[in-house]
Protein backbone atom coordinates (compact mmCIF):
# COMPACT_ATOMS: atom_id res chain seq x y z
CA UNK A 1 -0.05 0.03 -0.02
CA UNK A 2 1.37 3.39 -0.96
CA UNK A 3 2.13 6.29 1.45
CA UNK A 4 -0.98 8.22 0.41
CA UNK A 5 -3.31 5.14 0.82
CA UNK A 6 -2.30 4.27 4.40
CA UNK A 7 -4.62 5.50 7.20
CA UNK A 8 -3.11 6.78 10.39
CA UNK A 9 -4.65 5.55 13.63
CA UNK A 10 -4.82 7.26 16.95
CA UNK A 11 -4.01 4.86 19.87
CA UNK A 12 -4.31 4.99 23.69
CA UNK A 13 -2.27 2.72 25.85
CA UNK A 14 -4.08 1.82 29.11
CA UNK A 15 -1.53 0.70 31.75
CA UNK A 16 2.19 1.23 31.98
CA UNK A 17 3.33 -2.02 33.60
CA UNK A 18 5.26 -4.93 32.22
CA UNK A 19 3.22 -4.99 28.94
CA UNK A 20 2.24 -1.31 28.79
CA UNK A 21 5.82 0.05 28.68
CA UNK A 22 6.80 -1.93 25.60
CA UNK A 23 3.40 -1.08 24.07
CA UNK A 24 4.15 2.56 24.33
CA UNK A 25 7.57 1.97 22.62
CA UNK A 26 5.91 -0.09 19.84
CA UNK A 27 3.24 2.48 19.09
CA UNK A 28 5.96 5.24 18.95
CA UNK A 29 7.97 3.15 16.51
CA UNK A 30 5.00 2.16 14.23
CA UNK A 31 4.86 3.88 10.90
CA UNK A 32 1.09 4.25 10.93
CA UNK A 33 0.16 4.92 14.58
CA UNK A 34 0.00 7.95 16.81
CA UNK A 35 -0.02 7.80 20.53
CA UNK A 36 -2.74 10.18 21.76
CA UNK A 37 -3.19 9.04 25.38
CA UNK A 38 -1.82 7.01 28.33
CA UNK A 39 -4.06 5.93 31.22
CA UNK A 40 -2.40 5.09 34.49
CA UNK A 41 -3.76 3.94 37.91
CA UNK A 42 -0.79 5.17 40.01
CA UNK A 43 -1.30 8.76 40.91
CA UNK A 44 2.53 9.36 41.02
CA UNK A 45 2.67 8.77 37.30
CA UNK A 46 0.07 11.37 36.43
CA UNK A 47 1.67 14.25 34.51
CA UNK A 48 4.67 12.13 33.40
CA UNK A 49 5.51 11.94 29.68
CA UNK A 50 4.75 8.60 28.20
CA UNK A 51 8.21 8.24 26.73
CA UNK A 52 9.71 8.79 30.19
CA UNK A 53 7.48 6.07 31.59
CA UNK A 54 8.54 3.69 28.78
CA UNK A 55 12.22 4.50 29.05
CA UNK A 56 12.58 6.32 25.84
CA UNK A 57 12.71 10.04 24.81
CA UNK A 58 9.68 12.19 25.70
CA UNK A 59 6.82 11.79 23.24
CA UNK A 60 4.67 14.85 24.20
CA UNK A 61 1.90 12.54 25.43
CA UNK A 62 1.11 13.01 29.19
CA UNK A 63 -0.17 10.28 31.45
CA UNK A 64 -3.51 10.70 33.07
CA UNK A 65 -5.99 8.72 35.33
CA UNK A 66 -8.88 10.26 33.34
CA UNK A 67 -9.74 7.71 30.60
CA UNK A 68 -12.72 9.85 29.53
CA UNK A 69 -10.32 12.58 28.55
CA UNK A 70 -8.43 10.49 26.08
CA UNK A 71 -10.31 7.32 24.97
CA UNK A 72 -13.34 8.90 23.11
CA UNK A 73 -12.25 9.70 19.59
CA UNK A 74 -9.35 7.23 19.64
CA UNK A 75 -9.31 4.40 17.02
CA UNK A 76 -7.87 1.83 19.40
CA UNK A 77 -6.96 1.17 23.00
CA UNK A 78 -4.14 -1.23 23.92
CA UNK A 79 -5.55 -2.35 27.27
CA UNK A 80 -2.75 -3.91 29.50
CA UNK A 81 -4.18 -3.33 32.96
CA UNK A 82 -4.53 -6.61 34.76
CA UNK A 83 -7.88 -8.41 34.93
CA UNK A 84 -6.65 -11.26 37.14
CA UNK A 85 -7.15 -9.40 40.42
CA UNK A 86 -9.81 -7.00 39.30
CA UNK A 87 -12.04 -8.83 36.72
CA UNK A 88 -15.09 -6.82 37.32
CA UNK A 89 -13.43 -3.40 36.97
CA UNK A 90 -11.51 -4.49 33.86
CA UNK A 91 -14.55 -5.82 32.18
CA UNK A 92 -16.33 -2.51 32.92
CA UNK A 93 -13.38 -0.69 31.34
CA UNK A 94 -13.52 -2.88 28.27
CA UNK A 95 -17.25 -2.47 27.77
CA UNK A 96 -16.96 1.35 28.19
CA UNK A 97 -14.14 1.64 25.72
CA UNK A 98 -16.12 -0.36 23.05
CA UNK A 99 -19.26 1.61 23.58
CA UNK A 100 -17.14 4.76 23.22
CA UNK A 101 -16.22 3.56 19.70
CA UNK A 102 -12.63 2.51 20.42
CA UNK A 103 -11.39 -0.85 19.25
CA UNK A 104 -9.63 -2.70 22.07
CA UNK A 105 -6.59 -4.95 21.82
CA UNK A 106 -5.68 -6.61 25.09
CA UNK A 107 -3.66 -9.17 26.90
CA UNK A 108 -6.17 -9.29 29.78
CA UNK A 109 -9.39 -11.07 28.89
CA UNK A 110 -8.70 -14.74 28.32
CA UNK A 111 -12.38 -15.64 27.96
CA UNK A 112 -12.66 -13.52 24.86
CA UNK A 113 -9.60 -14.91 23.05
CA UNK A 114 -11.59 -17.60 20.99
CA UNK A 115 -14.76 -16.09 19.69
CA UNK A 116 -16.70 -19.30 19.24
CA UNK A 117 -16.46 -20.40 22.82
CA UNK A 118 -16.93 -17.17 24.69
CA UNK A 119 -19.49 -17.87 27.47
CA UNK A 120 -22.95 -16.85 26.53
CA UNK A 121 -23.55 -14.06 29.01
CA UNK A 122 -20.10 -12.51 28.37
CA UNK A 123 -20.65 -12.80 24.65
CA UNK A 124 -23.99 -10.99 24.84
CA UNK A 125 -22.60 -8.14 27.02
CA UNK A 126 -19.47 -7.58 25.03
CA UNK A 127 -21.23 -8.16 21.66
CA UNK A 128 -23.78 -5.49 22.52
CA UNK A 129 -21.01 -3.03 23.51
CA UNK A 130 -19.28 -3.71 20.21
CA UNK A 131 -22.41 -3.18 18.19
CA UNK A 132 -23.26 0.00 20.06
CA UNK A 133 -19.77 1.44 19.37
CA UNK A 134 -19.18 -0.07 16.03
CA UNK A 135 -15.92 -1.49 17.50
CA UNK A 136 -13.96 -4.79 17.93
CA UNK A 137 -11.99 -6.59 20.53
CA UNK A 138 -8.94 -8.75 19.99
CA UNK A 139 -7.28 -10.59 22.90
CA UNK A 140 -3.86 -12.05 22.40
CA UNK A 141 -0.37 -12.05 23.77
CA UNK A 142 2.48 -14.52 23.72
CA UNK A 143 1.28 -17.61 25.75
CA UNK A 144 -1.66 -17.66 25.39
CA UNK A 145 -1.22 -15.74 22.15
CA UNK A 146 0.90 -15.73 19.00
CA UNK A 147 3.35 -18.46 20.00
CA UNK A 148 0.54 -20.89 20.67
CA UNK A 149 -1.57 -20.00 17.56
CA UNK A 150 0.03 -18.30 14.58
CA UNK A 151 3.66 -19.57 15.03
CA UNK A 152 2.84 -23.37 15.21
CA UNK A 153 0.30 -22.91 12.48
CA UNK A 154 3.00 -21.41 10.17
CA UNK A 155 5.46 -24.15 11.24
CA UNK A 156 3.04 -26.86 10.41
CA UNK A 157 3.07 -25.65 6.84
CA UNK A 158 6.65 -26.76 6.47
CA UNK A 159 6.21 -30.12 8.22
CA UNK A 160 4.84 -33.50 7.10
CA UNK A 161 3.41 -36.53 8.83
CA UNK A 162 2.72 -34.58 12.10
CA UNK A 163 2.00 -36.67 15.20
CA UNK A 164 2.03 -33.81 17.76
CA UNK A 165 2.39 -30.05 17.95
CA UNK A 166 3.70 -29.04 21.44
CA UNK A 167 4.20 -25.59 22.68
CA UNK A 168 6.42 -25.22 25.76
CA UNK A 169 6.95 -22.36 28.06
CA UNK A 170 10.16 -22.99 30.15
CA UNK A 171 10.67 -20.12 32.52
CA UNK A 172 12.35 -18.89 35.64
CA UNK A 173 9.83 -16.61 37.39
CA UNK A 174 12.30 -15.08 39.82
CA UNK A 175 12.58 -12.09 37.39
CA UNK A 176 8.86 -11.77 36.84
CA UNK A 177 7.97 -8.62 38.68
CA UNK A 178 4.38 -9.39 39.77
CA UNK A 179 4.69 -10.52 43.40
CA UNK A 180 0.98 -10.74 44.19
CA UNK A 181 0.33 -12.90 41.17
CA UNK A 182 3.33 -15.08 41.51
CA UNK A 183 2.61 -15.86 45.15
CA UNK A 184 -1.19 -15.81 45.49
CA UNK A 185 -2.43 -16.94 42.15
CA UNK A 186 0.51 -19.03 40.80
CA UNK A 187 1.38 -20.27 44.34
CA UNK A 188 5.21 -19.94 44.55
CA UNK A 189 6.27 -19.75 48.17
CA UNK A 190 3.03 -21.31 49.40
CA UNK A 191 2.38 -24.82 50.94
CA UNK A 192 2.13 -27.80 48.55
CA UNK A 193 -1.03 -28.68 50.60
CA UNK A 194 -2.66 -25.79 48.85
CA UNK A 195 -3.45 -26.09 45.06
CA UNK A 196 -3.01 -22.48 43.77
CA UNK A 197 -5.75 -20.91 41.78
CA UNK A 198 -3.88 -20.95 38.48
CA UNK A 199 -3.29 -24.72 38.57
CA UNK A 200 -6.93 -25.77 39.08
CA UNK A 201 -8.38 -27.72 36.13
CA UNK A 202 -10.91 -24.97 35.54
CA UNK A 203 -8.34 -22.19 35.52
CA UNK A 204 -6.03 -24.02 33.13
CA UNK A 205 -9.03 -24.62 30.80
CA UNK A 206 -10.10 -21.08 31.14
CA UNK A 207 -6.74 -19.57 30.12
CA UNK A 208 -5.28 -22.11 27.65
CA UNK A 209 -8.19 -24.02 26.13
CA UNK A 210 -9.14 -21.01 24.00
CA UNK A 211 -5.65 -20.87 22.68
CA UNK A 212 -5.59 -24.54 21.67
CA UNK A 213 -8.91 -23.91 19.89
CA UNK A 214 -7.47 -20.95 18.08
CA UNK A 215 -4.65 -23.12 16.88
CA UNK A 216 -7.17 -25.90 15.76
CA UNK A 217 -9.05 -23.21 13.85
CA UNK A 218 -5.93 -22.10 12.04
CA UNK A 219 -5.10 -25.78 11.14
CA UNK A 220 -8.67 -26.53 10.14
CA UNK A 221 -9.17 -29.38 12.64
CA UNK A 222 -11.80 -30.12 15.22
CA UNK A 223 -11.02 -30.49 18.92
CA UNK A 224 -12.87 -33.43 20.52
CA UNK A 225 -11.87 -33.05 24.11
CA UNK A 226 -9.46 -31.00 26.21
CA UNK A 227 -7.56 -32.58 29.19
CA UNK A 228 -5.25 -31.14 31.85
CA UNK A 229 -2.42 -32.55 34.17
CA UNK A 230 -0.38 -30.92 36.89
CA UNK A 231 2.81 -31.79 38.83
CA UNK A 232 4.50 -29.69 41.42
CA UNK A 233 7.94 -29.66 43.29
CA UNK A 234 9.08 -28.20 46.51
CA UNK A 235 12.12 -26.03 47.10
CA UNK A 236 15.01 -27.90 48.75
CA UNK A 237 16.46 -24.72 50.19
CA UNK A 238 15.42 -21.18 50.96
CA UNK A 239 15.62 -18.85 47.93
CA UNK A 240 15.97 -15.05 47.84
CA UNK A 241 15.12 -13.13 44.59
CA UNK A 242 15.76 -9.54 43.66
CA UNK A 243 12.30 -8.91 42.41
CA UNK A 244 10.02 -10.76 44.90
CA UNK A 245 11.92 -11.51 48.07
CA UNK A 246 12.21 -14.60 50.07
CA UNK A 247 10.83 -18.01 49.30
CA UNK A 248 11.02 -20.69 52.02
CA UNK A 249 12.28 -24.36 51.66
CA UNK A 250 9.48 -26.85 51.47
CA UNK A 251 7.06 -24.48 49.77
CA UNK A 252 6.16 -24.64 45.99
CA UNK A 253 9.29 -24.08 43.91
CA UNK A 254 8.23 -25.38 40.48
CA UNK A 255 5.24 -26.71 38.64
CA UNK A 256 4.63 -28.48 35.32
CA UNK A 257 1.35 -28.60 33.65
CA UNK A 258 -0.14 -29.73 30.26
CA UNK A 259 -3.33 -28.72 28.50
CA UNK A 260 -3.93 -31.09 25.66
CA UNK A 261 -6.46 -31.13 22.80
CA UNK A 262 -7.47 -34.52 21.43
CA UNK A 263 -7.88 -34.38 17.61
CA UNK A 264 -8.94 -37.43 15.63
CA UNK A 265 -8.57 -39.68 18.78
CA UNK A 266 -5.14 -38.58 19.89
CA UNK A 267 -3.77 -35.72 21.95
CA UNK A 268 -2.25 -33.94 18.94
CA UNK A 269 -2.01 -30.31 20.36
CA UNK A 270 -0.31 -29.69 23.67
CA UNK A 271 0.58 -26.69 25.75
CA UNK A 272 3.17 -27.54 28.36
CA UNK A 273 4.57 -25.13 31.01
CA UNK A 274 7.48 -25.77 33.23
CA UNK A 275 7.99 -22.90 35.61
CA UNK A 276 10.43 -22.46 38.52
CA UNK A 277 11.07 -19.74 41.09
CA UNK A 278 14.80 -20.79 40.98
CA UNK A 279 16.63 -22.63 38.18
CA UNK A 280 17.92 -25.38 40.62
CA UNK A 281 14.39 -26.59 41.44
CA UNK A 282 13.01 -29.72 39.68
CA UNK A 283 16.27 -30.53 37.75
CA UNK A 284 14.65 -33.63 36.20
CA UNK A 285 12.13 -31.51 34.19
CA UNK A 286 12.83 -29.85 30.84
CA UNK A 287 15.06 -26.76 31.07
CA UNK A 288 15.45 -23.69 28.84
CA UNK A 289 18.60 -23.32 26.76
CA UNK A 290 18.29 -19.58 26.98
CA UNK A 291 18.99 -17.48 30.05
CA UNK A 292 15.86 -16.95 32.13
CA UNK A 293 13.53 -18.98 29.84
CA UNK A 294 12.14 -19.42 26.44
CA UNK A 295 9.11 -20.59 24.49
CA UNK A 296 9.43 -23.60 22.09
CA UNK A 297 7.30 -25.00 19.32
CA UNK A 298 8.05 -28.71 18.93
CA UNK A 299 6.58 -30.56 15.99
CA UNK A 300 7.01 -34.27 16.01
CA UNK A 301 6.91 -35.16 12.37
CA UNK A 302 9.16 -35.19 9.34
CA UNK A 303 11.47 -33.46 10.26
CA UNK A 304 11.44 -33.34 13.97
CA UNK A 305 11.21 -29.48 14.19
CA UNK A 306 11.96 -27.19 17.13
CA UNK A 307 11.54 -23.42 17.03
CA UNK A 308 12.81 -21.52 20.11
CA UNK A 309 11.65 -17.96 21.04
CA UNK A 310 13.75 -15.94 23.46
CA UNK A 311 13.54 -12.13 23.49
CA UNK A 312 15.64 -9.48 25.34
CA UNK A 313 14.09 -6.07 25.74
CA UNK A 314 15.91 -2.90 26.76
CA UNK A 315 15.67 -2.04 30.35
CA UNK A 316 13.17 -4.85 31.11
CA UNK A 317 14.20 -7.91 33.28
CA UNK A 318 15.38 -10.95 31.48
CA UNK A 319 13.37 -13.41 29.29
CA UNK A 320 10.12 -12.25 30.97
CA UNK A 321 10.77 -8.75 29.67
CA UNK A 322 11.32 -10.04 26.07
CA UNK A 323 8.19 -12.06 26.37
CA UNK A 324 6.09 -9.18 27.51
CA UNK A 325 7.54 -7.11 24.69
CA UNK A 326 6.47 -9.44 21.87
CA UNK A 327 3.03 -9.70 23.53
CA UNK A 328 2.67 -6.01 23.38
CA UNK A 329 4.00 -5.88 19.80
CA UNK A 330 1.46 -8.50 18.69
CA UNK A 331 -1.31 -6.19 19.78
CA UNK A 332 0.17 -2.85 18.59
CA UNK A 333 1.03 -4.29 15.15
CA UNK A 334 -2.50 -5.64 14.73
CA UNK A 335 -4.23 -2.25 15.33
CA UNK A 336 -4.74 -1.50 11.64
CA UNK A 337 -6.31 -4.89 10.89
CA UNK A 338 -8.52 -4.80 13.99
CA UNK A 339 -9.73 -1.30 13.09
CA UNK A 340 -10.66 -2.54 9.56
CA UNK A 341 -12.51 -5.64 10.87
CA UNK A 342 -16.33 -5.74 11.37
CA UNK A 343 -17.52 -5.04 14.96
CA UNK A 344 -17.30 -7.92 17.38
CA UNK A 345 -15.03 -10.28 19.13
CA UNK A 346 -12.05 -11.35 16.99
CA UNK A 347 -9.58 -14.22 17.00
CA UNK A 348 -6.37 -14.80 15.01
CA UNK A 349 -8.25 -16.61 12.33
CA UNK A 350 -10.25 -13.49 11.61
CA UNK A 351 -7.25 -11.19 10.95
CA UNK A 352 -4.89 -10.84 8.02
CA UNK A 353 -1.25 -10.70 8.80
CA UNK A 354 -0.03 -7.27 10.05
CA UNK A 355 2.07 -5.21 7.77
CA UNK A 356 5.70 -6.30 8.54
CA UNK A 357 7.05 -3.12 6.96
CA UNK A 358 5.31 -0.91 9.47
CA UNK A 359 8.00 -1.44 12.12
CA UNK A 360 11.00 -1.20 9.85
CA UNK A 361 13.09 1.59 11.23
CA UNK A 362 13.68 4.48 8.64
CA UNK A 363 17.02 5.76 7.79
């Protein structure tokens, strides 16, 4: 598309945490996007320049807690505020943005990531907001997100005689700067007698079953049933981390789970996570080959194919920083395609590939 044919889009980034910071940087770098607002919850960030908050040069866009001052009139909102600990408030934010006419791209609303299986009540509520505002919502990230859906779907096109497609997340969470989530939802540092919220069967299905179904849609296959399994290991010794403090020996130090989709009678699509709070815990489980962690797509077929994803992002901690950055970039780079889509809940199968030239740095 020529220079005169491209449409510029006005974008608001809501949240300046682990995903919001790289989202600001990605919008600033995008050829066809203009950052017109940044919404924060922390009053100490009010009045700060968005570039300063994101660790780059000032952008002339000032952070505010007043969403009503910046969202109406915007083409899209990159919504990165957490919904894990404030689901009701986050859903209200989403609905209001959509009714205001802003398309929303977010890492936060797992239940909306596969349009065909959105719970009925939620689908009706969000669908009505989309219709009223003429807007769409697209939920993605890295895992769940592009490393579970579009990447293995592309890899499958260069494979033959496929028995299994497995997506692994192998990570050290000691650098993941979300202490409340890591301790109270994921369960690190807590007793093995307590099964943390994230590792319940219902939670695993809630977050990762839509991702498997998105992959199945891209492959053109039907999922018959989804199963889950969980293993956990205790810390042998006390561990102290820079980001999240002390974790006592005997508490949860590592977990391993699988979410599997049965296709044509066999568990052909698998998401596997091996997560540690210290690299020495659970030495008998798969380990990353990259510092801090990585994602891998493993296709058992001809040939046996392994693709490793490991990112390093400026001024962000370790592999988690790189992962958060590509999650943000997935959303930011899809803004033009989401804006052009019909109103409603969108999945990866509904969108064309983003323009790869839009992030090429000019001379």
